[in-house]
Amino acid sequence: MAIHALLKEESAVQTTAFNPDDMKALVAAFEDACNRLKVHDRQSAMAFLIARTIIQIAKEGERNPERLTQRVIALYRNRTVDPRS
């Protein structure tokens, strides 16, 4: 899953410390955003873009999964998504 790999990468470089509750919030936001944007393939480029965006927003201080999802939806809702993803 895209977000798990990116979170592991983040923890390896130790640029941001996400605690277990933060990680649950980020994964929940990722899943919700992917579902709402109809991104079914969690390994697609769009899924990685969503994951990176969620992580970046979280680095800026947002940890609420609903607000994370809303911000990602606002950014990508009109973006063309490959129907195979």
PDB file of N, CA and C in Angstrom:
ATOM      1  N   MET A   1       0.845  -1.172   0.000  1.00  0.00           N
ATOM      2  CA  MET A   1       0.000   0.000   0.000  1.00  0.00           C
ATOM      3  C   MET A   1       0.893   1.238   0.000  1.00  0.00           C
ATOM      4  N   ALA A   2       0.553   2.207  -0.794  1.00  0.00           N
ATOM      5  CA  ALA A   2       1.375   3.390  -1.017  1.00  0.00           C
ATOM      6  C   ALA A   2       1.730   4.131   0.266  1.00  0.00           C
ATOM      7  N   ILE A   3       0.777   4.376   1.110  1.00  0.00           N
ATOM      8  CA  ILE A   3       1.060   5.209   2.278  1.00  0.00           C
ATOM      9  C   ILE A   3       1.960   4.499   3.280  1.00  0.00           C
ATOM     10  N   HIS A   4       1.841   3.194   3.411  1.00  0.00           N
ATOM     11  CA  HIS A   4       2.701   2.469   4.345  1.00  0.00           C
ATOM     12  C   HIS A   4       4.168   2.559   3.919  1.00  0.00           C
ATOM     13  N   ALA A   5       4.424   2.419   2.629  1.00  0.00           N
ATOM     14  CA  ALA A   5       5.796   2.512   2.129  1.00  0.00           C
ATOM     15  C   ALA A   5       6.357   3.907   2.352  1.00  0.00           C
ATOM     16  N   LEU A   6       5.543   4.919   2.117  1.00  0.00           N
ATOM     17  CA  LEU A   6       6.016   6.286   2.296  1.00  0.00           C
ATOM     18  C   LEU A   6       6.230   6.617   3.771  1.00  0.00           C
ATOM     19  N   LEU A   7       5.367   6.129   4.637  1.00  0.00           N
ATOM     20  CA  LEU A   7       5.549   6.358   6.076  1.00  0.00           C
ATOM     21  C   LEU A   7       6.812   5.668   6.578  1.00  0.00           C
ATOM     22  N   LYS A   8       7.080   4.475   6.050  1.00  0.00           N
ATOM     23  CA  LYS A   8       8.303   3.758   6.426  1.00  0.00           C
ATOM     24  C   LYS A   8       9.525   4.549   5.964  1.00  0.00           C
ATOM     25  N   GLU A   9       9.444   5.095   4.762  1.00  0.00           N
ATOM     26  CA  GLU A   9      10.526   5.919   4.223  1.00  0.00           C
ATOM     27  C   GLU A   9      10.729   7.163   5.098  1.00  0.00           C
ATOM     28  N   GLU A  10       9.640   7.795   5.499  1.00  0.00           N
ATOM     29  CA  GLU A  10       9.718   8.967   6.360  1.00  0.00           C
ATOM     30  C   GLU A  10      10.398   8.648   7.680  1.00  0.00           C
ATOM     31  N   SER A  11      10.029   7.525   8.279  1.00  0.00           N
ATOM     32  CA  SER A  11      10.616   7.174   9.568  1.00  0.00           C
ATOM     33  C   SER A  11      12.093   6.810   9.424  1.00  0.00           C
ATOM     34  N   ALA A  12      12.480   6.307   8.264  1.00  0.00           N
ATOM     35  CA  ALA A  12      13.878   5.944   8.036  1.00  0.00           C
ATOM     36  C   ALA A  12      14.769   7.188   7.971  1.00  0.00           C
ATOM     37  N   VAL A  13      14.269   8.250   7.371  1.00  0.00           N
ATOM     38  CA  VAL A  13      15.067   9.475   7.277  1.00  0.00           C
ATOM     39  C   VAL A  13      14.840  10.380   8.478  1.00  0.00           C
ATOM     40  N   GLN A  14      13.873  10.027   9.310  1.00  0.00           N
ATOM     41  CA  GLN A  14      13.579  10.713  10.560  1.00  0.00           C
ATOM     42  C   GLN A  14      13.374  12.205  10.393  1.00  0.00           C
ATOM     43  N   THR A  15      12.724  12.613   9.309  1.00  0.00           N
ATOM     44  CA  THR A  15      12.440  14.032   9.130  1.00  0.00           C
ATOM     45  C   THR A  15      11.238  14.453   9.973  1.00  0.00           C
ATOM     46  N   THR A  16      10.340  13.529  10.212  1.00  0.00           N
ATOM     47  CA  THR A  16       9.153  13.815  11.007  1.00  0.00           C
ATOM     48  C   THR A  16       8.835  12.598  11.844  1.00  0.00           C
ATOM     49  N   ALA A  17       8.519  12.826  13.073  1.00  0.00           N
ATOM     50  CA  ALA A  17       8.161  11.709  13.951  1.00  0.00           C
ATOM     51  C   ALA A  17       6.651  11.603  14.030  1.00  0.00           C
ATOM     52  N   PHE A  18       6.112  10.572  13.409  1.00  0.00           N
ATOM     53  CA  PHE A  18       4.680  10.289  13.507  1.00  0.00           C
ATOM     54  C   PHE A  18       4.512   9.190  14.539  1.00  0.00           C
ATOM     55  N   ASN A  19       3.696   9.439  15.551  1.00  0.00           N
ATOM     56  CA  ASN A  19       3.440   8.402  16.550  1.00  0.00           C
ATOM     57  C   ASN A  19       2.391   7.431  16.007  1.00  0.00           C
ATOM     58  N   PRO A  20       2.136   6.326  16.695  1.00  0.00           N
ATOM     59  CA  PRO A  20       1.176   5.333  16.185  1.00  0.00           C
ATOM     60  C   PRO A  20      -0.222   5.907  15.915  1.00  0.00           C
ATOM     61  N   ASP A  21      -0.693   6.829  16.758  1.00  0.00           N
ATOM     62  CA  ASP A  21      -2.000   7.440  16.515  1.00  0.00           C
ATOM     63  C   ASP A  21      -1.987   8.303  15.266  1.00  0.00           C
ATOM     64  N   ASP A  22      -0.890   9.022  15.046  1.00  0.00           N
ATOM     65  CA  ASP A  22      -0.751   9.824  13.830  1.00  0.00           C
ATOM     66  C   ASP A  22      -0.801   8.924  12.596  1.00  0.00           C
ATOM     67  N   MET A  23      -0.072   7.813  12.669  1.00  0.00           N
ATOM     68  CA  MET A  23      -0.028   6.899  11.523  1.00  0.00           C
ATOM     69  C   MET A  23      -1.412   6.335  11.217  1.00  0.00           C
ATOM     70  N   LYS A  24      -2.173   5.990  12.254  1.00  0.00           N
ATOM     71  CA  LYS A  24      -3.543   5.507  12.039  1.00  0.00           C
ATOM     72  C   LYS A  24      -4.382   6.573  11.362  1.00  0.00           C
ATOM     73  N   ALA A  25      -4.223   7.825  11.781  1.00  0.00           N
ATOM     74  CA  ALA A  25      -4.981   8.935  11.191  1.00  0.00           C
ATOM     75  C   ALA A  25      -4.604   9.124   9.725  1.00  0.00           C
ATOM     76  N   LEU A  26      -3.316   9.043   9.418  1.00  0.00           N
ATOM     77  CA  LEU A  26      -2.869   9.219   8.040  1.00  0.00           C
ATOM     78  C   LEU A  26      -3.361   8.085   7.146  1.00  0.00           C
ATOM     79  N   VAL A  27      -3.304   6.863   7.637  1.00  0.00           N
ATOM     80  CA  VAL A  27      -3.786   5.719   6.854  1.00  0.00           C
ATOM     81  C   VAL A  27      -5.299   5.836   6.637  1.00  0.00           C
ATOM     82  N   ALA A  28      -6.025   6.243   7.673  1.00  0.00           N
ATOM     83  CA  ALA A  28      -7.482   6.410   7.538  1.00  0.00           C
ATOM     84  C   ALA A  28      -7.801   7.488   6.510  1.00  0.00           C
ATOM     85  N   ALA A  29      -7.071   8.593   6.549  1.00  0.00           N
ATOM     86  CA  ALA A  29      -7.296   9.674   5.575  1.00  0.00           C
ATOM     87  C   ALA A  29      -6.963   9.206   4.164  1.00  0.00           C
ATOM     88  N   PHE A  30      -5.877   8.445   4.031  1.00  0.00           N
ATOM     89  CA  PHE A  30      -5.483   7.915   2.727  1.00  0.00           C
ATOM     90  C   PHE A  30      -6.573   7.005   2.157  1.00  0.00           C
ATOM     91  N   GLU A  31      -7.045   6.075   2.963  1.00  0.00           N
ATOM     92  CA  GLU A  31      -8.082   5.149   2.493  1.00  0.00           C
ATOM     93  C   GLU A  31      -9.356   5.899   2.105  1.00  0.00           C
ATOM     94  N   ASP A  32      -9.767   6.841   2.944  1.00  0.00           N
ATOM     95  CA  ASP A  32     -10.980   7.606   2.664  1.00  0.00           C
ATOM     96  C   ASP A  32     -10.820   8.438   1.393  1.00  0.00           C
ATOM     97  N   ALA A  33      -9.678   9.103   1.256  1.00  0.00           N
ATOM     98  CA  ALA A  33      -9.448   9.920   0.060  1.00  0.00           C
ATOM     99  C   ALA A  33      -9.423   9.064  -1.200  1.00  0.00           C
ATOM    100  N   CYS A  34      -8.743   7.937  -1.144  1.00  0.00           N
ATOM    101  CA  CYS A  34      -8.710   7.041  -2.316  1.00  0.00           C
ATOM    102  C   CYS A  34     -10.113   6.561  -2.674  1.00  0.00           C
ATOM    103  N   ASN A  35     -10.873   6.170  -1.677  1.00  0.00           N
ATOM    104  CA  ASN A  35     -12.241   5.708  -1.945  1.00  0.00           C
ATOM    105  C   ASN A  35     -13.089   6.813  -2.555  1.00  0.00           C
ATOM    106  N   ARG A  36     -13.015   7.999  -1.982  1.00  0.00           N
ATOM    107  CA  ARG A  36     -13.844   9.103  -2.470  1.00  0.00           C
ATOM    108  C   ARG A  36     -13.404   9.592  -3.848  1.00  0.00           C
ATOM    109  N   LEU A  37     -12.115   9.453  -4.151  1.00  0.00           N
ATOM    110  CA  LEU A  37     -11.623   9.837  -5.478  1.00  0.00           C
ATOM    111  C   LEU A  37     -11.659   8.671  -6.467  1.00  0.00           C
ATOM    112  N   LYS A  38     -12.168   7.538  -5.996  1.00  0.00           N
ATOM    113  CA  LYS A  38     -12.305   6.336  -6.828  1.00  0.00           C
ATOM    114  C   LYS A  38     -10.962   5.840  -7.378  1.00  0.00           C
ATOM    115  N   VAL A  39      -9.964   5.877  -6.518  1.00  0.00           N
ATOM    116  CA  VAL A  39      -8.645   5.334  -6.854  1.00  0.00           C
ATOM    117  C   VAL A  39      -8.591   3.949  -6.227  1.00  0.00           C
ATOM    118  N   HIS A  40      -8.778   2.937  -7.054  1.00  0.00           N
ATOM    119  CA  HIS A  40      -8.893   1.569  -6.556  1.00  0.00           C
ATOM    120  C   HIS A  40      -7.541   0.861  -6.415  1.00  0.00           C
ATOM    121  N   ASP A  41      -6.614   1.184  -7.294  1.00  0.00           N
ATOM    122  CA  ASP A  41      -5.287   0.565  -7.261  1.00  0.00           C
ATOM    123  C   ASP A  41      -4.408   1.364  -6.315  1.00  0.00           C
ATOM    124  N   ARG A  42      -4.133   0.809  -5.150  1.00  0.00           N
ATOM    125  CA  ARG A  42      -3.363   1.521  -4.132  1.00  0.00           C
ATOM    126  C   ARG A  42      -1.880   1.623  -4.487  1.00  0.00           C
ATOM    127  N   GLN A  43      -1.467   1.026  -5.591  1.00  0.00           N
ATOM    128  CA  GLN A  43      -0.088   1.140  -6.060  1.00  0.00           C
ATOM    129  C   GLN A  43       0.026   2.081  -7.264  1.00  0.00           C
ATOM    130  N   SER A  44      -1.073   2.703  -7.659  1.00  0.00           N
ATOM    131  CA  SER A  44      -1.065   3.591  -8.826  1.00  0.00           C
ATOM    132  C   SER A  44      -0.355   4.901  -8.504  1.00  0.00           C
ATOM    133  N   ALA A  45      -0.011   5.624  -9.553  1.00  0.00           N
ATOM    134  CA  ALA A  45       0.631   6.928  -9.384  1.00  0.00           C
ATOM    135  C   ALA A  45      -0.269   7.879  -8.605  1.00  0.00           C
ATOM    136  N   MET A  46      -1.560   7.831  -8.862  1.00  0.00           N
ATOM    137  CA  MET A  46      -2.491   8.714  -8.159  1.00  0.00           C
ATOM    138  C   MET A  46      -2.527   8.373  -6.667  1.00  0.00           C
ATOM    139  N   ALA A  47      -2.476   7.099  -6.326  1.00  0.00           N
ATOM    140  CA  ALA A  47      -2.475   6.701  -4.912  1.00  0.00           C
ATOM    141  C   ALA A  47      -1.218   7.236  -4.221  1.00  0.00           C
ATOM    142  N   PHE A  48      -0.080   7.162  -4.893  1.00  0.00           N
ATOM    143  CA  PHE A  48       1.148   7.692  -4.310  1.00  0.00           C
ATOM    144  C   PHE A  48       1.077   9.208  -4.161  1.00  0.00           C
ATOM    145  N   LEU A  49       0.468   9.879  -5.123  1.00  0.00           N
ATOM    146  CA  LEU A  49       0.292  11.326  -5.030  1.00  0.00           C
ATOM    147  C   LEU A  49      -0.581  11.687  -3.826  1.00  0.00           C
ATOM    148  N   ILE A  50      -1.663  10.959  -3.643  1.00  0.00           N
ATOM    149  CA  ILE A  50      -2.539  11.172  -2.487  1.00  0.00           C
ATOM    150  C   ILE A  50      -1.771  10.936  -1.193  1.00  0.00           C
ATOM    151  N   ALA A  51      -1.027   9.849  -1.132  1.00  0.00           N
ATOM    152  CA  ALA A  51      -0.252   9.531   0.077  1.00  0.00           C
ATOM    153  C   ALA A  51       0.775  10.613   0.383  1.00  0.00           C
ATOM    154  N   ARG A  52       1.522  11.026  -0.626  1.00  0.00           N
ATOM    155  CA  ARG A  52       2.532  12.070  -0.414  1.00  0.00           C
ATOM    156  C   ARG A  52       1.881  13.371   0.053  1.00  0.00           C
ATOM    157  N   THR A  53       0.735  13.697  -0.516  1.00  0.00           N
ATOM    158  CA  THR A  53       0.040  14.924  -0.130  1.00  0.00           C
ATOM    159  C   THR A  53      -0.425  14.850   1.321  1.00  0.00           C
ATOM    160  N   ILE A  54      -0.989  13.731   1.711  1.00  0.00           N
ATOM    161  CA  ILE A  54      -1.435  13.552   3.098  1.00  0.00           C
ATOM    162  C   ILE A  54      -0.253  13.678   4.050  1.00  0.00           C
ATOM    163  N   ILE A  55       0.853  13.057   3.728  1.00  0.00           N
ATOM    164  CA  ILE A  55       2.034  13.135   4.584  1.00  0.00           C
ATOM    165  C   ILE A  55       2.538  14.569   4.672  1.00  0.00           C
ATOM    166  N   GLN A  56       2.554  15.276   3.552  1.00  0.00           N
ATOM    167  CA  GLN A  56       3.020  16.663   3.560  1.00  0.00           C
ATOM    168  C   GLN A  56       2.103  17.537   4.424  1.00  0.00           C
ATOM    169  N   ILE A  57       0.810  17.371   4.289  1.00  0.00           N
ATOM    170  CA  ILE A  57      -0.131  18.149   5.100  1.00  0.00           C
ATOM    171  C   ILE A  57       0.058  17.804   6.577  1.00  0.00           C
ATOM    172  N   ALA A  58       0.283  16.535   6.876  1.00  0.00           N
ATOM    173  CA  ALA A  58       0.506  16.117   8.266  1.00  0.00           C
ATOM    174  C   ALA A  58       1.798  16.719   8.817  1.00  0.00           C
ATOM    175  N   LYS A  59       2.834  16.818   7.998  1.00  0.00           N
ATOM    176  CA  LYS A  59       4.084  17.438   8.428  1.00  0.00           C
ATOM    177  C   LYS A  59       3.870  18.897   8.811  1.00  0.00           C
ATOM    178  N   GLU A  60       2.876  19.517   8.186  1.00  0.00           N
ATOM    179  CA  GLU A  60       2.559  20.913   8.492  1.00  0.00           C
ATOM    180  C   GLU A  60       1.729  21.035   9.769  1.00  0.00           C
ATOM    181  N   GLY A  61       1.341  19.887  10.359  1.00  0.00           N
ATOM    182  CA  GLY A  61       0.681  19.914  11.653  1.00  0.00           C
ATOM    183  C   GLY A  61      -0.718  19.322  11.713  1.00  0.00           C
ATOM    184  N   GLU A  62      -1.346  19.088  10.581  1.00  0.00           N
ATOM    185  CA  GLU A  62      -2.707  18.542  10.593  1.00  0.00           C
ATOM    186  C   GLU A  62      -2.659  17.044  10.851  1.00  0.00           C
ATOM    187  N   ARG A  63      -3.428  16.588  11.823  1.00  0.00           N
ATOM    188  CA  ARG A  63      -3.472  15.157  12.133  1.00  0.00           C
ATOM    189  C   ARG A  63      -4.896  14.604  12.115  1.00  0.00           C
ATOM    190  N   ASN A  64      -5.889  15.463  11.947  1.00  0.00           N
ATOM    191  CA  ASN A  64      -7.276  15.016  11.929  1.00  0.00           C
ATOM    192  C   ASN A  64      -7.565  14.340  10.588  1.00  0.00           C
ATOM    193  N   PRO A  65      -7.955  13.042  10.591  1.00  0.00           N
ATOM    194  CA  PRO A  65      -8.143  12.334   9.320  1.00  0.00           C
ATOM    195  C   PRO A  65      -9.227  12.942   8.440  1.00  0.00           C
ATOM    196  N   GLU A  66     -10.281  13.469   9.025  1.00  0.00           N
ATOM    197  CA  GLU A  66     -11.344  14.079   8.218  1.00  0.00           C
ATOM    198  C   GLU A  66     -10.840  15.326   7.501  1.00  0.00           C
ATOM    199  N   ARG A  67     -10.097  16.156   8.215  1.00  0.00           N
ATOM    200  CA  ARG A  67      -9.567  17.374   7.585  1.00  0.00           C
ATOM    201  C   ARG A  67      -8.483  17.040   6.559  1.00  0.00           C
ATOM    202  N   LEU A  68      -7.668  16.029   6.849  1.00  0.00           N
ATOM    203  CA  LEU A  68      -6.673  15.590   5.867  1.00  0.00           C
ATOM    204  C   LEU A  68      -7.369  15.152   4.573  1.00  0.00           C
ATOM    205  N   THR A  69      -8.401  14.330   4.730  1.00  0.00           N
ATOM    206  CA  THR A  69      -9.151  13.858   3.561  1.00  0.00           C
ATOM    207  C   THR A  69      -9.764  15.015   2.800  1.00  0.00           C
ATOM    208  N   GLN A  70     -10.396  15.930   3.509  1.00  0.00           N
ATOM    209  CA  GLN A  70     -11.050  17.071   2.859  1.00  0.00           C
ATOM    210  C   GLN A  70     -10.059  17.908   2.064  1.00  0.00           C
ATOM    211  N   ARG A  71      -8.880  18.119   2.617  1.00  0.00           N
ATOM    212  CA  ARG A  71      -7.879  18.914   1.909  1.00  0.00           C
ATOM    213  C   ARG A  71      -7.393  18.211   0.645  1.00  0.00           C
ATOM    214  N   VAL A  72      -7.211  16.902   0.726  1.00  0.00           N
ATOM    215  CA  VAL A  72      -6.775  16.148  -0.458  1.00  0.00           C
ATOM    216  C   VAL A  72      -7.881  16.145  -1.514  1.00  0.00           C
ATOM    217  N   ILE A  73      -9.105  15.932  -1.091  1.00  0.00           N
ATOM    218  CA  ILE A  73     -10.241  15.946  -2.023  1.00  0.00           C
ATOM    219  C   ILE A  73     -10.321  17.299  -2.726  1.00  0.00           C
ATOM    220  N   ALA A  74     -10.161  18.380  -1.969  1.00  0.00           N
ATOM    221  CA  ALA A  74     -10.217  19.715  -2.561  1.00  0.00           C
ATOM    222  C   ALA A  74      -9.132  19.910  -3.620  1.00  0.00           C
ATOM    223  N   LEU A  75      -7.966  19.322  -3.395  1.00  0.00           N
ATOM    224  CA  LEU A  75      -6.873  19.454  -4.356  1.00  0.00           C
ATOM    225  C   LEU A  75      -7.064  18.618  -5.615  1.00  0.00           C
ATOM    226  N   TYR A  76      -7.614  17.402  -5.459  1.00  0.00           N
ATOM    227  CA  TYR A  76      -7.599  16.446  -6.566  1.00  0.00           C
ATOM    228  C   TYR A  76      -8.964  16.036  -7.109  1.00  0.00           C
ATOM    229  N   ARG A  77     -10.035  16.601  -6.622  1.00  0.00           N
ATOM    230  CA  ARG A  77     -11.366  16.138  -7.039  1.00  0.00           C
ATOM    231  C   ARG A  77     -11.631  16.283  -8.527  1.00  0.00           C
ATOM    232  N   ASN A  78     -11.056  17.260  -9.181  1.00  0.00           N
ATOM    233  CA  ASN A  78     -11.305  17.469 -10.612  1.00  0.00           C
ATOM    234  C   ASN A  78     -10.199  16.901 -11.489  1.00  0.00           C
ATOM    235  N   ARG A  79      -9.264  16.247 -10.873  1.00  0.00           N
ATOM    236  CA  ARG A  79      -8.149  15.650 -11.613  1.00  0.00           C
ATOM    237  C   ARG A  79      -8.631  14.405 -12.347  1.00  0.00           C
ATOM    238  N   THR A  80      -8.194  14.214 -13.555  1.00  0.00           N
ATOM    239  CA  THR A  80      -8.547  13.023 -14.309  1.00  0.00           C
ATOM    240  C   THR A  80      -7.833  11.819 -13.712  1.00  0.00           C
ATOM    241  N   VAL A  81      -8.607  10.791 -13.424  1.00  0.00           N
ATOM    242  CA  VAL A  81      -8.058   9.567 -12.843  1.00  0.00           C
ATOM    243  C   VAL A  81      -8.197   8.449 -13.859  1.00  0.00           C
ATOM    244  N   ASP A  82      -7.137   7.693 -14.051  1.00  0.00           N
ATOM    245  CA  ASP A  82      -7.164   6.551 -14.953  1.00  0.00           C
ATOM    246  C   ASP A  82      -8.183   5.550 -14.419  1.00  0.00           C
ATOM    247  N   PRO A  83      -9.175   5.142 -15.224  1.00  0.00           N
ATOM    248  CA  PRO A  83     -10.199   4.223 -14.733  1.00  0.00           C
ATOM    249  C   PRO A  83      -9.654   2.864 -14.284  1.00  0.00           C
ATOM    250  N   ARG A  84      -8.436   2.529 -14.687  1.00  0.00           N
ATOM    251  CA  ARG A  84      -7.829   1.269 -14.259  1.00  0.00           C
ATOM    252  C   ARG A  84      -7.229   1.370 -12.863  1.00  0.00           C
ATOM    253  N   SER A  85      -7.110   2.577 -12.322  1.00  0.00           N
ATOM    254  CA  SER A  85      -6.465   2.742 -11.008  1.00  0.00           C
ATOM    255  C   SER A  85      -7.436   2.602  -9.883  1.00  0.00           C
TER     256      SER A  85
END
